[in-house]
Amino acid sequence: MTRIVNALAAAELVSRGENPHDKRQVLVSITETGSTTLLRARSKRTAWLARQVAALTPQERATLHEAALILQEMSA
């Protein structure tokens, strides 16, 4: 975990702060740059997924819908 946080901090995507109640802990917060980067990545992923779904046949979309319902039931 430390290595991941170090990399994110080096890229200025997160910042570290002290926990005022427990000096052993470090609080990690997303930065403005991190938030912008995250939103951009999510938008790109959503656009990619929309293109993939649009290329499916109606039958494939129906199958995907049924699978999503099954997964939703399993997670309840």
Protein backbone atom coordinates (compact mmCIF):
# COMPACT_ATOMS: atom_id res chain seq x y z
CA MET A 1 0.00 0.00 0.00
CA THR A 2 2.84 2.39 0.86
CA ARG A 3 4.35 1.96 -2.59
CA ILE A 4 1.04 2.80 -4.26
CA VAL A 5 0.49 5.89 -2.11
CA ASN A 6 4.09 6.99 -2.72
CA ALA A 7 3.56 6.75 -6.49
CA LEU A 8 0.27 8.64 -6.32
CA ALA A 9 1.85 11.32 -4.14
CA ALA A 10 4.84 11.64 -6.49
CA ALA A 11 2.39 12.23 -9.34
CA GLU A 12 0.61 14.82 -7.15
CA LEU A 13 -2.63 12.84 -7.36
CA VAL A 14 -2.93 12.53 -3.57
CA SER A 15 -1.56 14.34 -0.55
CA ARG A 16 -0.67 13.01 2.87
CA GLY A 17 -1.53 14.49 6.21
CA GLU A 18 -1.19 13.55 9.85
CA ASN A 19 -4.05 12.09 11.82
CA PRO A 20 -4.35 14.49 14.78
CA HIS A 21 -5.81 11.72 16.95
CA ASP A 22 -3.35 8.95 16.08
CA LYS A 23 0.18 9.84 14.97
CA ARG A 24 0.72 6.29 13.70
CA GLN A 25 -1.80 6.87 10.94
CA VAL A 26 -1.45 8.90 7.79
CA LEU A 27 -4.47 10.47 6.13
CA VAL A 28 -4.47 10.36 2.33
CA SER A 29 -6.60 12.82 0.34
CA ILE A 30 -7.17 13.21 -3.37
CA THR A 31 -5.80 16.44 -4.84
CA GLU A 32 -7.43 18.66 -7.45
CA THR A 33 -5.14 17.08 -10.05
CA GLY A 34 -6.08 13.63 -8.81
CA SER A 35 -9.77 14.41 -8.97
CA THR A 36 -9.49 15.78 -12.51
CA THR A 37 -7.46 12.75 -13.59
CA LEU A 38 -9.97 10.37 -12.04
CA LEU A 39 -12.95 12.07 -13.72
CA ARG A 40 -11.17 12.04 -17.08
CA ALA A 41 -10.33 8.33 -16.76
CA ARG A 42 -13.90 7.48 -15.77
CA SER A 43 -15.28 9.44 -18.72
CA LYS A 44 -12.95 7.63 -21.13
CA ARG A 45 -13.92 4.24 -19.67
CA THR A 46 -17.63 5.07 -19.86
CA ALA A 47 -17.31 6.19 -23.49
CA TRP A 48 -15.41 3.01 -24.36
CA LEU A 49 -18.04 0.84 -22.70
CA ALA A 50 -20.87 2.71 -24.46
CA ARG A 51 -19.19 2.04 -27.83
CA GLN A 52 -18.79 -1.64 -27.00
CA VAL A 53 -22.42 -2.03 -25.95
CA ALA A 54 -23.63 -0.12 -29.01
CA ALA A 55 -21.82 -2.65 -31.23
CA LEU A 56 -23.72 -5.58 -29.69
CA THR A 57 -26.69 -7.18 -31.36
CA PRO A 58 -30.08 -6.81 -29.67
CA GLN A 59 -29.83 -10.46 -28.58
CA GLU A 60 -26.38 -9.89 -27.07
CA ARG A 61 -27.66 -6.82 -25.21
CA ALA A 62 -30.57 -8.86 -23.83
CA THR A 63 -28.13 -11.55 -22.68
CA LEU A 64 -25.94 -8.92 -21.05
CA HIS A 65 -29.00 -7.47 -19.30
CA GLU A 66 -29.96 -10.88 -17.97
CA ALA A 67 -26.41 -11.48 -16.73
CA ALA A 68 -26.44 -8.11 -14.97
CA LEU A 69 -29.68 -9.02 -13.22
CA ILE A 70 -28.19 -12.33 -12.07
CA LEU A 71 -25.06 -10.59 -10.75
CA GLN A 72 -27.23 -8.04 -8.95
CA GLU A 73 -29.21 -10.81 -7.28
CA MET A 74 -26.00 -12.58 -6.25
CA SER A 75 -24.65 -9.45 -4.59
CA ALA A 76 -27.82 -8.75 -2.59
